């Protein structure tokens, strides 16, 4: 999977680190650090298994939503809400063959 090196959200440029290995918490597949403006996405789970590309795409959307929520909403959305919105948005984009060139 290929990602841009950076993504701009609300005037801030978040660096995208992919693949990222979560040594500090092997249960994570994605994480955004708003202090360092870094978005991290795993290619493998904590057991070393490859994460399915569809899940990686959904994780990317999930982390973008965290950025949008932090900048425009003060980070008030619950993790479960972000998770449900990212899954729904990924499904709509995927089924409608949405791509960004």
N, C-alpha and C. Protein backbone atom coordinates (compact mmCIF):
# COMPACT_ATOMS: atom_id res chain seq x y z
N UNK A 1 0.85 -1.18 0.00
CA UNK A 1 0.00 0.00 0.00
C UNK A 1 0.89 1.24 0.00
N UNK A 2 0.45 2.25 -0.70
CA UNK A 2 1.23 3.47 -0.82
C UNK A 2 0.46 4.65 -0.25
N UNK A 3 1.14 5.44 0.57
CA UNK A 3 0.55 6.63 1.17
C UNK A 3 1.38 7.84 0.80
N UNK A 4 0.77 9.03 0.84
CA UNK A 4 1.58 10.24 0.67
C UNK A 4 2.52 10.37 1.86
N UNK A 5 3.59 11.11 1.69
CA UNK A 5 4.54 11.33 2.79
C UNK A 5 3.94 12.20 3.89
N UNK A 6 3.07 13.13 3.48
CA UNK A 6 2.41 14.04 4.41
C UNK A 6 0.98 14.26 3.98
N UNK A 7 0.15 14.63 4.96
CA UNK A 7 -1.23 14.98 4.67
C UNK A 7 -1.54 16.26 5.44
N UNK A 8 -2.21 17.19 4.78
CA UNK A 8 -2.53 18.48 5.40
C UNK A 8 -3.95 18.44 5.96
N UNK A 9 -4.06 18.77 7.24
CA UNK A 9 -5.37 18.84 7.90
C UNK A 9 -5.39 20.13 8.70
N UNK A 10 -6.30 21.02 8.36
CA UNK A 10 -6.46 22.25 9.11
C UNK A 10 -5.23 23.13 9.17
N UNK A 11 -4.45 23.14 8.13
CA UNK A 11 -3.25 23.97 8.10
C UNK A 11 -2.02 23.29 8.67
N UNK A 12 -2.17 22.08 9.21
CA UNK A 12 -1.05 21.33 9.77
C UNK A 12 -0.68 20.19 8.83
N UNK A 13 0.60 19.92 8.71
CA UNK A 13 1.08 18.81 7.90
C UNK A 13 1.47 17.65 8.81
N UNK A 14 0.73 16.55 8.69
CA UNK A 14 1.02 15.34 9.44
C UNK A 14 1.89 14.44 8.58
N UNK A 15 3.04 14.02 9.11
CA UNK A 15 3.89 13.05 8.43
C UNK A 15 3.26 11.68 8.60
N UNK A 16 3.32 10.88 7.55
CA UNK A 16 2.77 9.53 7.60
C UNK A 16 3.93 8.54 7.63
N UNK A 17 3.95 7.75 8.69
CA UNK A 17 4.99 6.73 8.83
C UNK A 17 4.34 5.37 8.57
N UNK A 18 4.69 4.78 7.44
CA UNK A 18 4.18 3.46 7.05
C UNK A 18 5.27 2.72 6.31
N UNK A 19 5.59 1.54 6.70
CA UNK A 19 5.03 0.82 7.84
C UNK A 19 5.69 1.25 9.15
N UNK A 20 4.91 1.21 10.21
CA UNK A 20 5.41 1.54 11.54
C UNK A 20 5.28 0.28 12.40
N UNK A 21 6.30 0.02 13.21
CA UNK A 21 6.27 -1.13 14.12
C UNK A 21 6.00 -0.59 15.52
N UNK A 22 4.88 -0.97 16.10
CA UNK A 22 4.50 -0.52 17.44
C UNK A 22 5.18 -1.39 18.49
N UNK A 23 6.36 -0.97 18.91
CA UNK A 23 7.08 -1.69 19.96
C UNK A 23 6.51 -1.38 21.33
N UNK A 24 6.00 -0.16 21.50
CA UNK A 24 5.49 0.28 22.79
C UNK A 24 4.13 -0.33 23.13
N UNK A 25 3.34 -0.68 22.14
CA UNK A 25 2.02 -1.29 22.36
C UNK A 25 1.69 -2.13 21.13
N UNK A 26 1.91 -3.42 21.22
CA UNK A 26 1.73 -4.32 20.07
C UNK A 26 0.28 -4.51 19.66
N UNK A 27 -0.66 -3.97 20.45
CA UNK A 27 -2.07 -4.08 20.08
C UNK A 27 -2.50 -2.99 19.10
N UNK A 28 -1.65 -1.98 18.92
CA UNK A 28 -1.99 -0.86 18.03
C UNK A 28 -1.72 -1.20 16.57
N UNK A 29 -2.59 -0.70 15.70
CA UNK A 29 -2.38 -0.79 14.26
C UNK A 29 -2.24 0.60 13.65
N UNK A 30 -2.69 1.61 14.39
CA UNK A 30 -2.59 2.99 13.94
C UNK A 30 -2.56 3.92 15.13
N UNK A 31 -1.94 5.08 14.92
CA UNK A 31 -1.83 6.07 16.01
C UNK A 31 -1.47 7.41 15.40
N UNK A 32 -2.04 8.47 15.96
CA UNK A 32 -1.68 9.82 15.55
C UNK A 32 -1.18 10.57 16.76
N UNK A 33 -0.02 11.20 16.60
CA UNK A 33 0.56 12.03 17.66
C UNK A 33 0.38 13.48 17.22
N UNK A 34 -0.53 14.18 17.89
CA UNK A 34 -0.83 15.55 17.50
C UNK A 34 0.27 16.52 17.92
N UNK A 35 1.06 16.16 18.90
CA UNK A 35 2.17 17.02 19.33
C UNK A 35 3.30 17.04 18.29
N UNK A 36 3.59 15.87 17.73
CA UNK A 36 4.67 15.78 16.73
C UNK A 36 4.15 15.81 15.30
N UNK A 37 2.82 15.84 15.16
CA UNK A 37 2.16 15.82 13.84
C UNK A 37 2.62 14.61 13.03
N UNK A 38 2.52 13.44 13.67
CA UNK A 38 2.94 12.20 13.02
C UNK A 38 1.81 11.17 13.09
N UNK A 39 1.51 10.58 11.93
CA UNK A 39 0.52 9.53 11.82
C UNK A 39 1.27 8.23 11.56
N UNK A 40 1.01 7.22 12.38
CA UNK A 40 1.73 5.94 12.27
C UNK A 40 0.75 4.83 11.94
N UNK A 41 1.10 4.02 10.95
CA UNK A 41 0.23 2.93 10.52
C UNK A 41 1.06 1.66 10.38
N UNK A 42 0.59 0.58 11.02
CA UNK A 42 1.30 -0.69 11.00
C UNK A 42 0.98 -1.47 9.72
N UNK A 43 1.95 -2.28 9.32
CA UNK A 43 1.76 -3.20 8.20
C UNK A 43 1.57 -4.62 8.72
N UNK A 44 2.00 -4.84 9.99
CA UNK A 44 1.86 -6.14 10.63
C UNK A 44 1.25 -5.96 12.01
N UNK A 45 0.53 -6.99 12.45
CA UNK A 45 -0.02 -6.93 13.80
C UNK A 45 1.07 -7.30 14.81
N UNK A 46 0.74 -7.30 16.09
CA UNK A 46 1.71 -7.58 17.13
C UNK A 46 2.34 -8.95 17.06
N UNK A 47 1.67 -9.89 16.38
CA UNK A 47 2.20 -11.25 16.23
C UNK A 47 3.03 -11.41 14.96
N UNK A 48 3.17 -10.33 14.19
CA UNK A 48 3.96 -10.39 12.97
C UNK A 48 3.19 -10.78 11.72
N UNK A 49 1.87 -10.89 11.83
CA UNK A 49 1.03 -11.22 10.67
C UNK A 49 0.73 -9.96 9.87
N UNK A 50 0.73 -10.10 8.55
CA UNK A 50 0.41 -8.95 7.69
C UNK A 50 -1.04 -8.52 7.93
N UNK A 51 -1.24 -7.20 8.02
CA UNK A 51 -2.58 -6.64 8.14
C UNK A 51 -3.16 -6.55 6.73
N UNK A 52 -4.40 -6.96 6.57
CA UNK A 52 -5.06 -6.94 5.27
C UNK A 52 -5.08 -5.52 4.72
N UNK A 53 -4.83 -5.36 3.41
CA UNK A 53 -4.84 -4.01 2.81
C UNK A 53 -6.14 -3.25 3.04
N UNK A 54 -7.28 -3.94 3.07
CA UNK A 54 -8.54 -3.24 3.32
C UNK A 54 -8.54 -2.65 4.73
N UNK A 55 -7.98 -3.37 5.68
CA UNK A 55 -7.90 -2.86 7.06
C UNK A 55 -6.93 -1.69 7.13
N UNK A 56 -5.83 -1.76 6.41
CA UNK A 56 -4.87 -0.65 6.39
C UNK A 56 -5.53 0.61 5.84
N UNK A 57 -6.32 0.47 4.78
CA UNK A 57 -7.04 1.61 4.22
C UNK A 57 -8.01 2.21 5.22
N UNK A 58 -8.71 1.35 5.94
CA UNK A 58 -9.65 1.84 6.96
C UNK A 58 -8.91 2.51 8.12
N UNK A 59 -7.75 1.97 8.50
CA UNK A 59 -6.94 2.57 9.56
C UNK A 59 -6.50 3.98 9.15
N UNK A 60 -6.11 4.14 7.90
CA UNK A 60 -5.70 5.45 7.40
C UNK A 60 -6.84 6.46 7.54
N UNK A 61 -8.04 6.08 7.14
CA UNK A 61 -9.20 6.95 7.29
C UNK A 61 -9.47 7.24 8.77
N UNK A 62 -9.34 6.22 9.59
CA UNK A 62 -9.53 6.35 11.03
C UNK A 62 -8.59 7.42 11.61
N UNK A 63 -7.33 7.36 11.23
CA UNK A 63 -6.36 8.32 11.75
C UNK A 63 -6.61 9.73 11.19
N UNK A 64 -7.05 9.83 9.95
CA UNK A 64 -7.42 11.13 9.40
C UNK A 64 -8.57 11.73 10.22
N UNK A 65 -9.54 10.89 10.57
CA UNK A 65 -10.67 11.37 11.38
C UNK A 65 -10.20 11.87 12.74
N UNK A 66 -9.20 11.20 13.33
CA UNK A 66 -8.65 11.70 14.60
C UNK A 66 -8.06 13.10 14.40
N UNK A 67 -7.38 13.32 13.29
CA UNK A 67 -6.80 14.64 13.01
C UNK A 67 -7.89 15.69 12.85
N UNK A 68 -8.90 15.38 12.06
CA UNK A 68 -10.00 16.31 11.83
C UNK A 68 -10.72 16.60 13.16
N UNK A 69 -10.97 15.56 13.94
CA UNK A 69 -11.62 15.74 15.24
C UNK A 69 -10.79 16.62 16.17
N UNK A 70 -9.50 16.37 16.22
CA UNK A 70 -8.63 17.16 17.11
C UNK A 70 -8.61 18.63 16.71
N UNK A 71 -8.48 18.88 15.43
CA UNK A 71 -8.33 20.27 14.96
C UNK A 71 -9.66 21.04 14.95
N UNK A 72 -10.72 20.41 14.47
CA UNK A 72 -11.98 21.13 14.30
C UNK A 72 -13.01 20.88 15.41
N UNK A 73 -12.76 19.87 16.25
CA UNK A 73 -13.76 19.51 17.26
C UNK A 73 -13.15 19.38 18.65
N UNK A 74 -11.90 19.72 18.80
CA UNK A 74 -11.26 19.67 20.10
C UNK A 74 -11.03 18.27 20.63
N UNK A 75 -11.05 17.26 19.75
CA UNK A 75 -10.80 15.89 20.17
C UNK A 75 -11.90 15.30 21.03
N UNK A 76 -13.13 15.72 20.80
CA UNK A 76 -14.24 15.29 21.66
C UNK A 76 -14.91 13.99 21.24
N UNK A 77 -14.64 13.51 20.02
CA UNK A 77 -15.29 12.26 19.61
C UNK A 77 -14.69 11.07 20.35
N UNK A 78 -15.54 10.15 20.74
CA UNK A 78 -15.10 8.92 21.41
C UNK A 78 -14.44 8.00 20.39
N UNK A 79 -13.52 7.17 20.86
CA UNK A 79 -12.81 6.23 19.98
C UNK A 79 -13.79 5.34 19.22
N UNK A 80 -14.83 4.86 19.90
CA UNK A 80 -15.81 4.00 19.25
C UNK A 80 -16.53 4.72 18.11
N UNK A 81 -16.82 6.01 18.30
CA UNK A 81 -17.46 6.80 17.24
C UNK A 81 -16.54 6.95 16.05
N UNK A 82 -15.27 7.26 16.29
CA UNK A 82 -14.29 7.37 15.20
C UNK A 82 -14.20 6.04 14.46
N UNK A 83 -14.19 4.94 15.20
CA UNK A 83 -14.08 3.61 14.59
C UNK A 83 -15.27 3.33 13.68
N UNK A 84 -16.48 3.62 14.15
CA UNK A 84 -17.67 3.35 13.33
C UNK A 84 -17.73 4.24 12.10
N UNK A 85 -17.38 5.51 12.25
CA UNK A 85 -17.39 6.42 11.10
C UNK A 85 -16.34 6.00 10.08
N UNK A 86 -15.15 5.63 10.53
CA UNK A 86 -14.09 5.24 9.59
C UNK A 86 -14.46 3.98 8.83
N UNK A 87 -15.09 3.02 9.51
CA UNK A 87 -15.52 1.80 8.82
C UNK A 87 -16.60 2.10 7.79
N UNK A 88 -17.54 2.94 8.16
CA UNK A 88 -18.61 3.31 7.22
C UNK A 88 -18.08 4.09 6.04
N UNK A 89 -17.22 5.05 6.29
CA UNK A 89 -16.65 5.86 5.22
C UNK A 89 -15.79 5.01 4.29
N UNK A 90 -14.99 4.10 4.87
CA UNK A 90 -14.18 3.22 4.03
C UNK A 90 -15.07 2.38 3.11
N UNK A 91 -16.15 1.83 3.65
CA UNK A 91 -17.06 1.00 2.86
C UNK A 91 -17.67 1.79 1.70
N UNK A 92 -18.12 3.01 1.97
CA UNK A 92 -18.73 3.83 0.92
C UNK A 92 -17.70 4.15 -0.17
N UNK A 93 -16.52 4.56 0.23
CA UNK A 93 -15.48 4.90 -0.74
C UNK A 93 -15.05 3.69 -1.56
N UNK A 94 -14.87 2.56 -0.91
CA UNK A 94 -14.43 1.34 -1.58
C UNK A 94 -15.48 0.84 -2.58
N UNK A 95 -16.73 0.75 -2.14
CA UNK A 95 -17.78 0.23 -3.01
C UNK A 95 -18.09 1.15 -4.18
N UNK A 96 -17.76 2.41 -4.07
CA UNK A 96 -17.99 3.34 -5.15
C UNK A 96 -16.72 3.63 -5.94
N UNK A 97 -15.70 2.79 -5.71
CA UNK A 97 -14.43 2.85 -6.46
C UNK A 97 -13.79 4.23 -6.44
N UNK A 98 -13.85 4.87 -5.28
CA UNK A 98 -13.27 6.20 -5.13
C UNK A 98 -11.76 6.09 -5.01
N UNK A 99 -11.04 6.84 -5.83
CA UNK A 99 -9.58 6.88 -5.75
C UNK A 99 -9.12 8.31 -5.83
N UNK A 100 -7.98 8.55 -5.26
CA UNK A 100 -7.35 9.87 -5.34
C UNK A 100 -6.05 9.69 -6.11
N UNK A 101 -5.91 10.42 -7.15
CA UNK A 101 -4.69 10.33 -7.99
C UNK A 101 -3.73 11.41 -7.60
